[in-house]
PDB file of N, CA and C in Angstrom:
ATOM      1  N   MET A   1     -15.735 -25.310  -1.506  1.00  0.00           N
ATOM      2  CA  MET A   1     -14.494 -26.024  -1.115  1.00  0.00           C
ATOM      3  C   MET A   1     -13.271 -25.193  -1.530  1.00  0.00           C
ATOM      4  N   PRO A   2     -12.279 -24.991  -0.735  1.00  0.00           N
ATOM      5  CA  PRO A   2     -11.144 -24.214  -0.966  1.00  0.00           C
ATOM      6  C   PRO A   2     -10.293 -24.818  -2.071  1.00  0.00           C
ATOM      7  N   THR A   3      -9.623 -23.945  -2.786  1.00  0.00           N
ATOM      8  CA  THR A   3      -8.589 -24.367  -3.890  1.00  0.00           C
ATOM      9  C   THR A   3      -7.261 -23.903  -3.365  1.00  0.00           C
ATOM     10  N   TYR A   4      -6.437 -24.799  -3.444  1.00  0.00           N
ATOM     11  CA  TYR A   4      -5.019 -24.705  -2.902  1.00  0.00           C
ATOM     12  C   TYR A   4      -4.006 -24.734  -3.999  1.00  0.00           C
ATOM     13  N   SER A   5      -2.918 -23.837  -3.965  1.00  0.00           N
ATOM     14  CA  SER A   5      -1.932 -23.798  -5.096  1.00  0.00           C
ATOM     15  C   SER A   5      -0.480 -23.685  -4.225  1.00  0.00           C
ATOM     16  N   ASN A   6       0.429 -24.449  -4.366  1.00  0.00           N
ATOM     17  CA  ASN A   6       1.770 -24.324  -3.802  1.00  0.00           C
ATOM     18  C   ASN A   6       2.730 -23.813  -4.771  1.00  0.00           C
ATOM     19  N   HIS A   7       3.537 -22.975  -4.326  1.00  0.00           N
ATOM     20  CA  HIS A   7       4.597 -22.309  -5.122  1.00  0.00           C
ATOM     21  C   HIS A   7       5.917 -22.454  -4.381  1.00  0.00           C
ATOM     22  N   HIS A   8       6.947 -22.958  -5.050  1.00  0.00           N
ATOM     23  CA  HIS A   8       8.284 -23.033  -4.427  1.00  0.00           C
ATOM     24  C   HIS A   8       9.226 -22.319  -5.048  1.00  0.00           C
ATOM     25  N   SER A   9       9.947 -21.488  -4.271  1.00  0.00           N
ATOM     26  CA  SER A   9      11.072 -20.521  -4.989  1.00  0.00           C
ATOM     27  C   SER A   9      12.198 -20.189  -3.820  1.00  0.00           C
ATOM     28  N   ALA A  10      13.339 -20.533  -4.146  1.00  0.00           N
ATOM     29  CA  ALA A  10      14.469 -20.073  -3.310  1.00  0.00           C
ATOM     30  C   ALA A  10      14.267 -20.689  -1.860  1.00  0.00           C
ATOM     31  N   GLY A  11      13.632 -21.891  -1.686  1.00  0.00           N
ATOM     32  CA  GLY A  11      13.530 -22.464  -0.524  1.00  0.00           C
ATOM     33  C   GLY A  11      12.224 -21.924   0.167  1.00  0.00           C
ATOM     34  N   ILE A  12      11.495 -21.034  -0.359  1.00  0.00           N
ATOM     35  CA  ILE A  12      10.299 -20.495   0.303  1.00  0.00           C
ATOM     36  C   ILE A  12       8.994 -21.170  -0.188  1.00  0.00           C
ATOM     37  N   THR A  13       8.138 -21.674   0.491  1.00  0.00           N
ATOM     38  CA  THR A  13       6.889 -22.215   0.007  1.00  0.00           C
ATOM     39  C   THR A  13       5.904 -21.163   0.332  1.00  0.00           C
ATOM     40  N   CYS A  14       4.947 -20.904  -0.847  1.00  0.00           N
ATOM     41  CA  CYS A  14       3.878 -20.071  -0.692  1.00  0.00           C
ATOM     42  C   CYS A  14       2.660 -20.873  -0.878  1.00  0.00           C
ATOM     43  N   ILE A  15       1.624 -20.660  -0.179  1.00  0.00           N
ATOM     44  CA  ILE A  15       0.379 -21.413  -0.266  1.00  0.00           C
ATOM     45  C   ILE A  15      -0.640 -20.495  -0.635  1.00  0.00           C
ATOM     46  N   TYR A  16      -1.398 -20.554  -1.664  1.00  0.00           N
ATOM     47  CA  TYR A  16      -2.498 -19.623  -2.112  1.00  0.00           C
ATOM     48  C   TYR A  16      -3.858 -20.568  -1.699  1.00  0.00           C
ATOM     49  N   GLU A  17      -4.772 -19.880  -1.154  1.00  0.00           N
ATOM     50  CA  GLU A  17      -5.931 -20.435  -0.807  1.00  0.00           C
ATOM     51  C   GLU A  17      -7.231 -19.707  -1.262  1.00  0.00           C
ATOM     52  N   ILE A  18      -7.979 -20.119  -2.071  1.00  0.00           N
ATOM     53  CA  ILE A  18      -9.119 -19.377  -2.677  1.00  0.00           C
ATOM     54  C   ILE A  18     -10.311 -20.089  -2.119  1.00  0.00           C
ATOM     55  N   ARG A  19     -11.296 -19.383  -1.311  1.00  0.00           N
ATOM     56  CA  ARG A  19     -12.368 -19.835  -0.662  1.00  0.00           C
ATOM     57  C   ARG A  19     -13.666 -18.942  -1.181  1.00  0.00           C
ATOM     58  N   PRO A  20     -14.888 -19.492  -1.145  1.00  0.00           N
ATOM     59  CA  PRO A  20     -15.939 -18.711  -1.348  1.00  0.00           C
ATOM     60  C   PRO A  20     -16.056 -17.755  -0.322  1.00  0.00           C
ATOM     61  N   LYS A  21     -16.756 -16.616  -0.650  1.00  0.00           N
ATOM     62  CA  LYS A  21     -16.732 -15.319   0.114  1.00  0.00           C
ATOM     63  C   LYS A  21     -18.189 -15.584   1.027  1.00  0.00           C
ATOM     64  N   ILE A  22     -18.086 -16.210   2.047  1.00  0.00           N
ATOM     65  CA  ILE A  22     -19.036 -16.459   3.055  1.00  0.00           C
ATOM     66  C   ILE A  22     -18.669 -16.161   4.404  1.00  0.00           C
ATOM     67  N   ASN A  23     -19.315 -14.968   5.012  1.00  0.00           N
ATOM     68  CA  ASN A  23     -18.655 -14.388   6.242  1.00  0.00           C
ATOM     69  C   ASN A  23     -17.181 -14.361   6.234  1.00  0.00           C
ATOM     70  N   ALA A  24     -16.681 -13.596   5.191  1.00  0.00           N
ATOM     71  CA  ALA A  24     -15.196 -13.443   4.884  1.00  0.00           C
ATOM     72  C   ALA A  24     -14.374 -12.905   6.102  1.00  0.00           C
ATOM     73  N   THR A  25     -14.945 -11.825   6.790  1.00  0.00           N
ATOM     74  CA  THR A  25     -14.179 -11.362   7.852  1.00  0.00           C
ATOM     75  C   THR A  25     -13.958 -12.353   9.090  1.00  0.00           C
ATOM     76  N   LYS A  26     -15.086 -13.067   9.315  1.00  0.00           N
ATOM     77  CA  LYS A  26     -15.178 -13.941  10.520  1.00  0.00           C
ATOM     78  C   LYS A  26     -14.072 -15.226  10.238  1.00  0.00           C
ATOM     79  N   GLU A  27     -14.306 -15.724   8.915  1.00  0.00           N
ATOM     80  CA  GLU A  27     -13.423 -16.586   8.459  1.00  0.00           C
ATOM     81  C   GLU A  27     -11.902 -16.309   8.440  1.00  0.00           C
ATOM     82  N   ILE A  28     -11.529 -15.024   8.077  1.00  0.00           N
ATOM     83  CA  ILE A  28     -10.177 -14.529   8.134  1.00  0.00           C
ATOM     84  C   ILE A  28      -9.725 -14.662   9.510  1.00  0.00           C
ATOM     85  N   ILE A  29     -10.479 -14.193  10.493  1.00  0.00           N
ATOM     86  CA  ILE A  29     -10.062 -13.967  11.824  1.00  0.00           C
ATOM     87  C   ILE A  29      -9.751 -15.518  12.453  1.00  0.00           C
ATOM     88  N   LYS A  30     -10.711 -16.355  12.125  1.00  0.00           N
ATOM     89  CA  LYS A  30     -10.580 -17.726  12.441  1.00  0.00           C
ATOM     90  C   LYS A  30      -9.281 -18.375  11.949  1.00  0.00           C
ATOM     91  N   TYR A  31      -9.058 -18.138  10.767  1.00  0.00           N
ATOM     92  CA  TYR A  31      -7.858 -18.647  10.047  1.00  0.00           C
ATOM     93  C   TYR A  31      -6.638 -18.227  10.612  1.00  0.00           C
ATOM     94  N   ILE A  32      -6.507 -16.989  10.967  1.00  0.00           N
ATOM     95  CA  ILE A  32      -5.353 -16.339  11.502  1.00  0.00           C
ATOM     96  C   ILE A  32      -5.056 -16.885  12.836  1.00  0.00           C
ATOM     97  N   LEU A  33      -6.203 -17.096  13.703  1.00  0.00           N
ATOM     98  CA  LEU A  33      -5.965 -17.506  15.201  1.00  0.00           C
ATOM     99  C   LEU A  33      -5.692 -18.948  15.108  1.00  0.00           C
ATOM    100  N   ASN A  34      -6.025 -19.717  14.030  1.00  0.00           N
ATOM    101  CA  ASN A  34      -5.614 -21.102  13.983  1.00  0.00           C
ATOM    102  C   ASN A  34      -4.219 -21.399  13.465  1.00  0.00           C
ATOM    103  N   ASN A  35      -3.633 -20.274  12.966  1.00  0.00           N
ATOM    104  CA  ASN A  35      -2.379 -20.308  12.323  1.00  0.00           C
ATOM    105  C   ASN A  35      -1.363 -19.290  13.093  1.00  0.00           C
ATOM    106  N   GLN A  36      -1.451 -19.292  14.403  1.00  0.00           N
ATOM    107  CA  GLN A  36      -0.625 -18.256  15.002  1.00  0.00           C
ATOM    108  C   GLN A  36       0.776 -18.427  14.809  1.00  0.00           C
ATOM    109  N   GLY A  37       1.600 -17.533  14.754  1.00  0.00           N
ATOM    110  CA  GLY A  37       3.019 -17.504  14.389  1.00  0.00           C
ATOM    111  C   GLY A  37       3.417 -17.554  13.086  1.00  0.00           C
ATOM    112  N   LYS A  38       2.491 -17.599  12.165  1.00  0.00           N
ATOM    113  CA  LYS A  38       2.819 -17.511  10.808  1.00  0.00           C
ATOM    114  C   LYS A  38       2.376 -16.077  10.266  1.00  0.00           C
ATOM    115  N   SER A  39       2.994 -15.719   9.232  1.00  0.00           N
ATOM    116  CA  SER A  39       2.650 -14.461   8.619  1.00  0.00           C
ATOM    117  C   SER A  39       1.887 -14.583   7.310  1.00  0.00           C
ATOM    118  N   GLY A  40       1.184 -13.528   6.812  1.00  0.00           N
ATOM    119  CA  GLY A  40       0.519 -13.637   5.593  1.00  0.00           C
ATOM    120  C   GLY A  40       0.034 -12.303   5.039  1.00  0.00           C
ATOM    121  N   ILE A  41      -0.534 -12.243   3.951  1.00  0.00           N
ATOM    122  CA  ILE A  41      -1.039 -11.237   3.267  1.00  0.00           C
ATOM    123  C   ILE A  41      -2.511 -11.349   2.924  1.00  0.00           C
ATOM    124  N   ILE A  42      -3.421 -10.324   3.190  1.00  0.00           N
ATOM    125  CA  ILE A  42      -4.786 -10.320   2.876  1.00  0.00           C
ATOM    126  C   ILE A  42      -4.784  -9.307   1.708  1.00  0.00           C
ATOM    127  N   TYR A  43      -5.351  -9.738   0.479  1.00  0.00           N
ATOM    128  CA  TYR A  43      -5.515  -8.719  -0.392  1.00  0.00           C
ATOM    129  C   TYR A  43      -6.986  -8.198  -0.441  1.00  0.00           C
ATOM    130  N   CYS A  44      -7.207  -6.871  -0.648  1.00  0.00           N
ATOM    131  CA  CYS A  44      -8.484  -6.423  -0.574  1.00  0.00           C
ATOM    132  C   CYS A  44      -8.565  -5.533  -1.979  1.00  0.00           C
ATOM    133  N   LEU A  45      -9.861  -5.275  -2.239  1.00  0.00           N
ATOM    134  CA  LEU A  45     -10.226  -4.630  -3.533  1.00  0.00           C
ATOM    135  C   LEU A  45     -10.158  -3.105  -3.478  1.00  0.00           C
ATOM    136  N   SER A  46     -10.151  -2.492  -2.416  1.00  0.00           N
ATOM    137  CA  SER A  46     -10.007  -1.077  -2.225  1.00  0.00           C
ATOM    138  C   SER A  46      -9.182  -0.708  -1.142  1.00  0.00           C
ATOM    139  N   ARG A  47      -8.730   0.638  -1.146  1.00  0.00           N
ATOM    140  CA  ARG A  47      -7.923   1.135  -0.110  1.00  0.00           C
ATOM    141  C   ARG A  47      -8.612   1.316   1.298  1.00  0.00           C
ATOM    142  N   LYS A  48      -9.890   1.612   1.176  1.00  0.00           N
ATOM    143  CA  LYS A  48     -10.794   1.657   2.270  1.00  0.00           C
ATOM    144  C   LYS A  48     -10.888   0.328   2.739  1.00  0.00           C
ATOM    145  N   LYS A  49     -11.064  -0.691   2.139  1.00  0.00           N
ATOM    146  CA  LYS A  49     -11.203  -2.015   2.754  1.00  0.00           C
ATOM    147  C   LYS A  49      -9.883  -2.461   3.433  1.00  0.00           C
ATOM    148  N   VAL A  50      -8.807  -2.129   2.916  1.00  0.00           N
ATOM    149  CA  VAL A  50      -7.420  -2.400   3.568  1.00  0.00           C
ATOM    150  C   VAL A  50      -7.478  -1.802   4.879  1.00  0.00           C
ATOM    151  N   GLU A  51      -7.745  -0.504   4.862  1.00  0.00           N
ATOM    152  CA  GLU A  51      -7.729   0.260   6.326  1.00  0.00           C
ATOM    153  C   GLU A  51      -8.742  -0.553   7.213  1.00  0.00           C
ATOM    154  N   GLU A  52     -10.010  -0.844   6.732  1.00  0.00           N
ATOM    155  CA  GLU A  52     -10.933  -1.441   7.591  1.00  0.00           C
ATOM    156  C   GLU A  52     -10.482  -2.838   8.045  1.00  0.00           C
ATOM    157  N   MET A  53     -10.145  -3.622   7.138  1.00  0.00           N
ATOM    158  CA  MET A  53      -9.605  -4.809   7.495  1.00  0.00           C
ATOM    159  C   MET A  53      -8.478  -5.020   8.543  1.00  0.00           C
ATOM    160  N   ALA A  54      -7.578  -3.972   8.467  1.00  0.00           N
ATOM    161  CA  ALA A  54      -6.408  -3.921   9.342  1.00  0.00           C
ATOM    162  C   ALA A  54      -7.027  -3.520  10.905  1.00  0.00           C
ATOM    163  N   GLU A  55      -7.818  -2.498  10.846  1.00  0.00           N
ATOM    164  CA  GLU A  55      -8.542  -2.160  12.019  1.00  0.00           C
ATOM    165  C   GLU A  55      -9.309  -3.274  12.709  1.00  0.00           C
ATOM    166  N   THR A  56     -10.229  -3.995  11.794  1.00  0.00           N
ATOM    167  CA  THR A  56     -10.787  -5.087  12.557  1.00  0.00           C
ATOM    168  C   THR A  56      -9.989  -6.279  13.129  1.00  0.00           C
ATOM    169  N   LEU A  57      -8.801  -6.552  12.379  1.00  0.00           N
ATOM    170  CA  LEU A  57      -7.928  -7.491  12.989  1.00  0.00           C
ATOM    171  C   LEU A  57      -7.273  -7.069  14.259  1.00  0.00           C
ATOM    172  N   LYS A  58      -6.906  -5.727  14.201  1.00  0.00           N
ATOM    173  CA  LYS A  58      -6.305  -5.362  15.565  1.00  0.00           C
ATOM    174  C   LYS A  58      -7.387  -5.243  16.766  1.00  0.00           C
ATOM    175  N   VAL A  59      -8.583  -4.825  16.380  1.00  0.00           N
ATOM    176  CA  VAL A  59      -9.707  -5.000  17.410  1.00  0.00           C
ATOM    177  C   VAL A  59      -9.749  -6.431  17.977  1.00  0.00           C
ATOM    178  N   ASN A  60      -9.552  -7.443  17.097  1.00  0.00           N
ATOM    179  CA  ASN A  60      -9.625  -8.803  17.428  1.00  0.00           C
ATOM    180  C   ASN A  60      -8.379  -9.312  17.929  1.00  0.00           C
ATOM    181  N   GLY A  61      -7.292  -8.487  18.496  1.00  0.00           N
ATOM    182  CA  GLY A  61      -6.136  -8.930  18.948  1.00  0.00           C
ATOM    183  C   GLY A  61      -5.099  -9.477  18.043  1.00  0.00           C
ATOM    184  N   ILE A  62      -5.135  -9.175  16.731  1.00  0.00           N
ATOM    185  CA  ILE A  62      -4.316  -9.671  15.757  1.00  0.00           C
ATOM    186  C   ILE A  62      -3.522  -8.592  15.281  1.00  0.00           C
ATOM    187  N   LYS A  63      -2.092  -8.572  15.301  1.00  0.00           N
ATOM    188  CA  LYS A  63      -1.192  -7.683  14.813  1.00  0.00           C
ATOM    189  C   LYS A  63      -1.295  -7.389  13.330  1.00  0.00           C
ATOM    190  N   ALA A  64      -1.778  -6.309  12.795  1.00  0.00           N
ATOM    191  CA  ALA A  64      -1.941  -6.045  11.469  1.00  0.00           C
ATOM    192  C   ALA A  64      -1.655  -4.709  11.122  1.00  0.00           C
ATOM    193  N   LEU A  65      -0.945  -4.381   9.979  1.00  0.00           N
ATOM    194  CA  LEU A  65      -0.681  -3.184   9.315  1.00  0.00           C
ATOM    195  C   LEU A  65      -1.349  -3.012   7.992  1.00  0.00           C
ATOM    196  N   PRO A  66      -1.865  -1.920   7.690  1.00  0.00           N
ATOM    197  CA  PRO A  66      -2.555  -1.694   6.559  1.00  0.00           C
ATOM    198  C   PRO A  66      -1.496  -1.180   5.383  1.00  0.00           C
ATOM    199  N   TYR A  67      -1.340  -1.609   4.291  1.00  0.00           N
ATOM    200  CA  TYR A  67      -0.413  -1.233   3.158  1.00  0.00           C
ATOM    201  C   TYR A  67      -1.120  -1.169   1.763  1.00  0.00           C
ATOM    202  N   HIS A  68      -1.033   0.022   1.268  1.00  0.00           N
ATOM    203  CA  HIS A  68      -1.741   0.154  -0.006  1.00  0.00           C
ATOM    204  C   HIS A  68      -0.841   1.206  -0.791  1.00  0.00           C
ATOM    205  N   ALA A  69      -1.237   1.341  -2.175  1.00  0.00           N
ATOM    206  CA  ALA A  69      -0.579   2.199  -2.991  1.00  0.00           C
ATOM    207  C   ALA A  69      -0.809   3.733  -2.815  1.00  0.00           C
ATOM    208  N   GLY A  70      -1.865   3.959  -2.020  1.00  0.00           N
ATOM    209  CA  GLY A  70      -2.180   5.530  -1.617  1.00  0.00           C
ATOM    210  C   GLY A  70      -1.431   6.053  -0.597  1.00  0.00           C
ATOM    211  N   MET A  71      -0.513   5.243   0.042  1.00  0.00           N
ATOM    212  CA  MET A  71       0.216   5.638   1.194  1.00  0.00           C
ATOM    213  C   MET A  71       1.416   6.582   0.707  1.00  0.00           C
ATOM    214  N   ASP A  72       1.928   7.603   1.500  1.00  0.00           N
ATOM    215  CA  ASP A  72       3.087   8.244   0.970  1.00  0.00           C
ATOM    216  C   ASP A  72       4.254   7.474   1.368  1.00  0.00           C
ATOM    217  N   SER A  73       5.308   7.636   0.646  1.00  0.00           N
ATOM    218  CA  SER A  73       6.484   6.789   0.667  1.00  0.00           C
ATOM    219  C   SER A  73       7.130   6.576   2.146  1.00  0.00           C
ATOM    220  N   ALA A  74       7.053   7.465   2.852  1.00  0.00           N
ATOM    221  CA  ALA A  74       7.658   7.478   4.132  1.00  0.00           C
ATOM    222  C   ALA A  74       6.758   6.436   5.112  1.00  0.00           C
ATOM    223  N   THR A  75       5.593   6.502   5.051  1.00  0.00           N
ATOM    224  CA  THR A  75       4.561   5.533   5.565  1.00  0.00           C
ATOM    225  C   THR A  75       4.664   4.324   5.156  1.00  0.00           C
ATOM    226  N   GLY A  76       4.749   4.054   3.878  1.00  0.00           N
ATOM    227  CA  GLY A  76       4.811   2.690   3.224  1.00  0.00           C
ATOM    228  C   GLY A  76       6.198   2.159   3.700  1.00  0.00           C
ATOM    229  N   HIS A  77       7.341   2.806   3.678  1.00  0.00           N
ATOM    230  CA  HIS A  77       8.551   2.357   4.142  1.00  0.00           C
ATOM    231  C   HIS A  77       8.585   1.824   5.598  1.00  0.00           C
ATOM    232  N   ARG A  78       7.944   2.828   6.373  1.00  0.00           N
ATOM    233  CA  ARG A  78       7.916   2.408   7.747  1.00  0.00           C
ATOM    234  C   ARG A  78       7.062   1.138   8.074  1.00  0.00           C
ATOM    235  N   ILE A  79       6.037   0.860   7.505  1.00  0.00           N
ATOM    236  CA  ILE A  79       5.298  -0.267   7.531  1.00  0.00           C
ATOM    237  C   ILE A  79       6.063  -1.487   6.918  1.00  0.00           C
ATOM    238  N   ARG A  80       6.760  -1.460   5.792  1.00  0.00           N
ATOM    239  CA  ARG A  80       7.490  -2.500   5.270  1.00  0.00           C
ATOM    240  C   ARG A  80       8.628  -3.032   6.266  1.00  0.00           C
ATOM    241  N   ILE A  81       9.367  -2.109   6.823  1.00  0.00           N
ATOM    242  CA  ILE A  81      10.432  -2.414   7.700  1.00  0.00           C
ATOM    243  C   ILE A  81       9.972  -2.924   9.220  1.00  0.00           C
ATOM    244  N   SER A  82       8.609  -2.596   9.492  1.00  0.00           N
ATOM    245  CA  SER A  82       8.213  -2.936  10.852  1.00  0.00           C
ATOM    246  C   SER A  82       7.644  -4.328  10.832  1.00  0.00           C
ATOM    247  N   SER A  83       7.290  -4.932   9.597  1.00  0.00           N
ATOM    248  CA  SER A  83       6.700  -6.216   9.697  1.00  0.00           C
ATOM    249  C   SER A  83       7.469  -7.358   9.393  1.00  0.00           C
TER     250      SER A  83
END
């Protein structure tokens, strides 16, 4: 069963959702498609997984950009301003 947490700051509401890891990629895609028009962040445990997840989302027709600490500053800046 998912665990939810709401955080309110400066008029912005953030909702955190923690779920069991069962078919995670399929569940992420389903969740995004059911929440079109909203933005979000997917945290991954490795840079490689960040790249793989972004590519998987793009293949499934979802706009996604990878962002992680291993990127050079110019690439990171370009991603931050384009999203």
